[in-house]
Amino acid sequence: TELPAAGASEDFGKLTVHLTQLAITKDATYTAHVDLGQLVVTVPKEANVVINYRADLGAVRAYGADVRAGSEVSGRLDPQPIQPGKHTLTLDLSVDAGNIEVQR
């Protein structure tokens, strides 16, 4: 499966993105945004993943663990050690008000 070029966006509600079947054959970036609601991204189990996140008001969870919550929440997260020799999937995820969750 190939990575959707345009990413994804939702004004209101829940946006669920399944990237589990994605073959990471080169470093890639995926962008998704929700204005008001929840953003859930499921990533391939074998991929190196880096998460860039931003929430004006909300919470961030990665792999079942709370990362941060509050207002003006932003940062970069490598939820698991990067494995040399594997390509990296970078997620640029944001919500204006709501929650971000990354799952394996």
Protein backbone atom coordinates (compact mmCIF):
# COMPACT_ATOMS: atom_id res chain seq x y z
CA THR A 1 0.00 0.00 0.00
CA GLU A 2 1.20 3.51 -0.80
CA LEU A 3 1.01 6.50 1.48
CA PRO A 4 -1.77 8.93 0.48
CA ALA A 5 0.02 11.99 -0.91
CA ALA A 6 -2.33 14.65 0.41
CA GLY A 7 -2.65 13.41 3.98
CA ALA A 8 -6.01 13.76 5.71
CA SER A 9 -8.11 16.47 7.31
CA GLU A 10 -11.43 16.63 9.16
CA ASP A 11 -13.31 19.69 10.39
CA PHE A 12 -15.37 17.99 13.11
CA GLY A 13 -15.57 14.50 14.55
CA LYS A 14 -13.27 11.50 14.50
CA LEU A 15 -10.66 10.89 11.83
CA THR A 16 -9.27 7.35 11.85
CA VAL A 17 -6.30 6.54 9.62
CA HIS A 18 -5.06 2.97 9.17
CA LEU A 19 -1.51 2.78 7.85
CA THR A 20 -0.92 -0.80 9.04
CA GLN A 21 -0.59 -2.22 5.51
CA LEU A 22 1.83 0.49 4.43
CA ALA A 23 5.18 -0.80 3.17
CA ILE A 24 7.87 1.66 4.24
CA THR A 25 10.35 1.45 1.33
CA LYS A 26 11.80 4.94 1.89
CA ASP A 27 11.57 7.65 4.53
CA ALA A 28 8.09 9.17 4.34
CA THR A 29 5.94 11.81 6.05
CA TYR A 30 2.19 11.67 6.63
CA THR A 31 0.18 14.72 7.73
CA ALA A 32 -3.26 14.68 9.37
CA HIS A 33 -5.31 17.40 11.09
CA VAL A 34 -8.65 17.64 12.91
CA ASP A 35 -10.17 21.00 13.82
CA LEU A 36 -12.43 19.70 16.61
CA GLY A 37 -12.50 16.05 17.61
CA GLN A 38 -10.27 13.01 17.67
CA LEU A 39 -7.41 11.90 15.42
CA VAL A 40 -6.44 8.21 15.61
CA VAL A 41 -3.58 6.82 13.51
CA THR A 42 -2.59 3.14 13.45
CA VAL A 43 0.95 2.56 12.18
CA PRO A 44 2.77 -0.51 10.80
CA LYS A 45 4.26 -2.68 13.56
CA GLU A 46 7.69 -2.97 11.95
CA ALA A 47 8.19 0.69 11.00
CA ASN A 48 10.42 3.27 12.65
CA VAL A 49 7.95 5.99 13.65
CA VAL A 50 8.56 9.60 14.67
CA ILE A 51 5.58 11.68 15.81
CA ASN A 52 5.44 15.46 15.55
CA TYR A 53 2.31 16.56 17.41
CA ARG A 54 0.44 19.78 18.14
CA ALA A 55 -2.81 20.38 20.01
CA ASP A 56 -4.04 23.87 20.81
CA LEU A 57 -6.20 22.23 23.48
CA GLY A 58 -6.22 18.50 24.05
CA ALA A 59 -4.25 15.36 24.81
CA VAL A 60 -1.74 13.11 23.06
CA ARG A 61 -1.38 9.33 23.54
CA ALA A 62 1.11 7.02 21.85
CA TYR A 63 1.12 3.22 22.02
CA GLY A 64 -1.26 3.22 24.98
CA ALA A 65 0.66 5.74 27.10
CA ASP A 66 -0.28 9.33 27.89
CA VAL A 67 2.24 11.77 26.40
CA ARG A 68 0.93 15.25 27.21
CA ALA A 69 -2.32 17.10 27.83
CA GLY A 70 -3.36 20.71 28.24
CA SER A 71 -3.23 23.81 26.11
CA GLU A 72 -0.56 24.60 23.54
CA VAL A 73 0.73 21.02 23.59
CA SER A 74 3.44 20.27 21.04
CA GLY A 75 6.55 18.21 20.63
CA ARG A 76 8.38 15.39 18.93
CA LEU A 77 8.24 11.80 20.06
CA ASP A 78 10.12 8.64 19.13
CA PRO A 79 7.88 6.11 20.94
CA GLN A 80 10.31 3.25 20.35
CA PRO A 81 14.05 3.27 19.64
CA ILE A 82 14.84 3.95 15.98
CA GLN A 83 16.31 0.85 14.36
CA PRO A 84 19.27 1.55 12.05
CA GLY A 85 18.82 0.39 8.48
CA LYS A 86 15.02 0.78 8.50
CA HIS A 87 13.18 3.64 6.87
CA THR A 88 11.25 6.07 9.07
CA LEU A 89 7.62 7.11 8.89
CA THR A 90 7.21 10.64 10.27
CA LEU A 91 3.72 11.62 11.39
CA ASP A 92 2.83 15.32 11.50
CA LEU A 93 -0.39 15.27 13.55
CA SER A 94 -2.42 18.18 14.87
CA VAL A 95 -5.76 19.09 16.40
CA ASP A 96 -7.14 22.50 17.25
CA ALA A 97 -9.22 21.07 20.10
CA GLY A 98 -9.32 17.35 20.77
CA ASN A 99 -7.17 14.27 21.13
CA ILE A 100 -4.41 12.61 19.14
CA GLU A 101 -3.75 8.90 19.50
CA VAL A 102 -1.14 6.78 17.73
CA GLN A 103 -1.54 3.00 17.90
CA ARG A 104 0.41 -0.01 16.69
